[in-house]
Amino acid sequence: MKIDLRSDTVTKPTPEMLHAMMSANVGDDVYKEDPTVNELEKRIANMFGKEKALFFPSGSMANQAAIKLHTQPGEQLIADQYAHVYNYEGGGVSFNSGVSCKLINGHRGMITAAQVEVSINPPDFYHSPLTSLVCIENTTNKGGGACYDFEEIIKIGNVCKDHDLGYHLDGARLWNALVAKGESAQQYGDVFDTISVCLSKGLGAPVGSVLIGDEDIMENAIRVRKVLGGGMRQVGYLAAAGLYALEHHITRLKEDHRKAKEIGRVLEQLSFVKHVEPIDTNIIIFTIEGNEEEFISQMASKNVHFYGMGQGKLRFVTHLGYTDDMHSVFLELLSSKKLDKVI
């Protein structure tokens, strides 16, 4: 039995999702004639109380499009030092938009309104880049699936309004935050100018993210997507997977969260585990005594696969493809004395 805890991106469509995909009514989306894509975009826009949504092949492209919509070359965005838009999107902020990042040392990938306030460059001081955008991520990937306090999100939004800044949410794992915190998509739509959400992580679709916003900011989104190479044709087959996921795979995220917390409790009991970071959703980050690469290699020999995140941190991610049977086997392996011989 292969147990793959590298990421929630390793999921494969369920048989029911595949049936929905193969039954999709499709058309040419470049002409906006794919009815299934149009339905997906309309549904997600309505969920967030926004006027428009646009389907993208990846979350990175959706984020990069949002940044381009909010900024001009030479300007600057504010983000946490762990932000996905800075660390894991290939330098796209500078390459695609000609924008620099002012990075904040937040807590587990989360920043505060007070930190944002003091990071804004004076708009009349022409020696520094003009601050034009704040990007936050919820949940935080590198921060271990941490969820923002929504009151802090509102406070950051108020700072953005006071300083006429754009406010973008990288919501790749927002669905996890909504389930964990009992929040609604509408709450987020009321605060942010743009939001990207991913369908291919916790929701288990094979491909796809959606960018959401109001008419004024989204007017040129389809043009930016075209420039970035994101125009697709009969993409309704993929959009159908997203529609199925919205109907069937959101509430089940609590199962991923439960399993992650159970793994965390076992890790805390192991003599060679130095620290387990707080577990809010489906990501477990921990550190161990000994050689991390050796531990990864030895676990792979037992058909358990996961990644190191650098700086001594290791990560497990639970997901749709991590079944109850796998969970039982994995917990038994972690609890066994065999692992003491690995370190």
Foldseek 3Di string as FASTA:
>chain_A
DFAEFAALLPFADDPVLLVLLVPAQWWFCLVPPGVLQVVLFVVLQVQQVADTKHKFFDLLLLVLLLLQLFDAAQAEEEFAPQDCNPPPNPPSNCVVHNYYYDHDPDALRDDALVRVLVSQDDCVPVVHHHYAEYEGEAPRDSSFRDGDDVVRLQSNLVSCVVVVHAYEYSDQPVLQNCLLVVHGSNSVSVRHQKYKYHCSGQLNQNTIIMIGHYCVSCVCSSVSCVVVVGRGTGCSSRSSSSVVSVVPRRNCQVVLLVLQVVVVVLLVPDPFWDDWDDRRGFKIKTAGPDDPVLLQVVVVVVSYHHDAPPPRITMGGGHPPCDPVNSVVVSVVSNDPVVVVSD
